[in-house]
């Protein structure tokens, strides 16, 4: 099975996320974050179920600090939903699938 997440970097953020023709959910994560690890299977399911209508990516805040600073991300996991190049929703902390889908409902066609 292929990785359901795109690797998001500071260098590719504009072309990858802000230019996406479909909503893009970015999880700001770090390897030491246990809540991030708990969130991964939920994000994988959501990414698979919404393929073509939602892109899901992860940005490692330790390796790529400019983007989290730009968007005021100070804790992990933080998720930002981008639509038409702009952040339209901020979610903090681990979510179960039901809560995540509810939060995404108005942003995913």
Protein backbone atom coordinates (compact mmCIF):
# COMPACT_ATOMS: atom_id res chain seq x y z
CA UNK A 1 0.00 0.00 0.00
CA UNK A 2 1.33 3.43 -0.87
CA UNK A 3 1.72 6.16 1.71
CA UNK A 4 -1.58 8.10 1.95
CA UNK A 5 0.22 11.29 2.96
CA UNK A 6 2.14 13.73 0.87
CA UNK A 7 5.34 15.05 2.39
CA UNK A 8 4.97 18.82 2.66
CA UNK A 9 8.04 21.05 2.93
CA UNK A 10 8.72 24.75 3.36
CA UNK A 11 10.19 24.85 -0.14
CA UNK A 12 7.21 23.25 -1.90
CA UNK A 13 4.39 24.62 0.26
CA UNK A 14 3.12 27.22 -2.20
CA UNK A 15 3.16 24.98 -5.26
CA UNK A 16 1.90 21.94 -3.39
CA UNK A 17 -0.66 23.24 -0.90
CA UNK A 18 -1.64 26.78 -1.80
CA UNK A 19 -1.98 25.92 -5.51
CA UNK A 20 -3.96 22.73 -4.94
CA UNK A 21 -7.18 22.54 -6.98
CA UNK A 22 -8.85 20.58 -4.16
CA UNK A 23 -8.86 21.23 -0.41
CA UNK A 24 -5.59 20.27 1.26
CA UNK A 25 -5.36 19.15 4.90
CA UNK A 26 -1.88 19.70 6.31
CA UNK A 27 -0.93 18.04 9.58
CA UNK A 28 1.91 19.83 11.32
CA UNK A 29 3.70 17.00 13.09
CA UNK A 30 6.91 15.87 14.72
CA UNK A 31 8.45 12.43 15.26
CA UNK A 32 8.29 12.72 19.07
CA UNK A 33 4.57 13.62 19.16
CA UNK A 34 2.55 10.68 20.50
CA UNK A 35 -0.78 12.35 19.69
CA UNK A 36 0.43 12.75 16.09
CA UNK A 37 1.17 9.03 15.92
CA UNK A 38 -2.33 8.29 17.24
CA UNK A 39 -3.83 10.57 14.59
CA UNK A 40 -2.04 8.92 11.64
CA UNK A 41 -4.45 5.98 11.11
CA UNK A 42 -7.42 8.37 11.20
CA UNK A 43 -5.80 10.64 8.62
CA UNK A 44 -4.93 7.62 6.46
CA UNK A 45 -8.57 6.50 6.42
CA UNK A 46 -9.86 9.98 5.64
CA UNK A 47 -7.27 10.41 2.87
CA UNK A 48 -8.23 7.09 1.29
CA UNK A 49 -11.97 7.72 1.53
CA UNK A 50 -11.72 11.23 0.08
CA UNK A 51 -9.08 10.61 -2.60
CA UNK A 52 -9.55 13.06 -5.45
CA UNK A 53 -11.60 15.42 -3.28
CA UNK A 54 -9.09 16.07 -0.47
CA UNK A 55 -5.32 15.95 -0.34
CA UNK A 56 -3.64 15.13 2.97
CA UNK A 57 -0.05 15.97 3.81
CA UNK A 58 2.29 16.06 6.75
CA UNK A 59 4.85 18.74 7.49
CA UNK A 60 7.59 17.97 10.02
CA UNK A 61 7.91 21.16 12.06
CA UNK A 62 11.49 20.37 13.12
CA UNK A 63 12.73 19.97 9.56
CA UNK A 64 10.60 22.76 8.10
CA UNK A 65 10.08 25.55 10.67
CA UNK A 66 9.26 28.47 8.34
CA UNK A 67 5.75 27.34 7.40
CA UNK A 68 4.56 26.65 10.97
CA UNK A 69 5.89 30.06 11.97
CA UNK A 70 4.10 31.69 9.04
CA UNK A 71 0.75 30.23 10.13
CA UNK A 72 1.24 30.55 13.89
CA UNK A 73 1.48 26.81 14.55
CA UNK A 74 2.98 26.33 17.99
CA UNK A 75 1.86 22.84 18.98
CA UNK A 76 1.51 19.42 17.40
CA UNK A 77 -0.65 18.04 16.11
CA UNK A 78 -2.18 21.05 14.46
CA UNK A 79 -4.07 20.63 11.20
CA UNK A 80 -4.88 23.40 8.76
CA UNK A 81 -7.34 22.97 5.92
CA UNK A 82 -6.45 25.05 2.86
CA UNK A 83 -8.95 25.85 0.16
CA UNK A 84 -8.25 28.15 -2.78
CA UNK A 85 -4.81 28.86 -1.35
CA UNK A 86 -6.04 30.07 2.05
CA UNK A 87 -6.34 28.40 5.44
CA UNK A 88 -10.05 27.97 6.14
CA UNK A 89 -10.00 25.76 9.24
CA UNK A 90 -7.61 25.07 12.13
CA UNK A 91 -7.85 21.91 14.21
CA UNK A 92 -5.68 21.19 17.20
CA UNK A 93 -5.00 17.91 18.94
CA UNK A 94 -5.81 14.35 17.99
CA UNK A 95 -9.30 13.74 16.62
CA UNK A 96 -11.30 10.61 16.12
CA UNK A 97 -12.57 9.95 12.62
CA UNK A 98 -16.12 11.15 13.29
CA UNK A 99 -14.94 14.47 14.72
CA UNK A 100 -12.45 15.01 11.92
CA UNK A 101 -15.04 14.32 9.22
CA UNK A 102 -17.48 16.68 10.90
CA UNK A 103 -14.84 19.43 10.93
CA UNK A 104 -14.06 18.83 7.25
CA UNK A 105 -17.65 18.56 6.03
CA UNK A 106 -18.12 22.14 4.85
CA UNK A 107 -14.69 22.25 3.17
CA UNK A 108 -14.70 19.04 1.13
CA UNK A 109 -17.00 18.67 -1.88
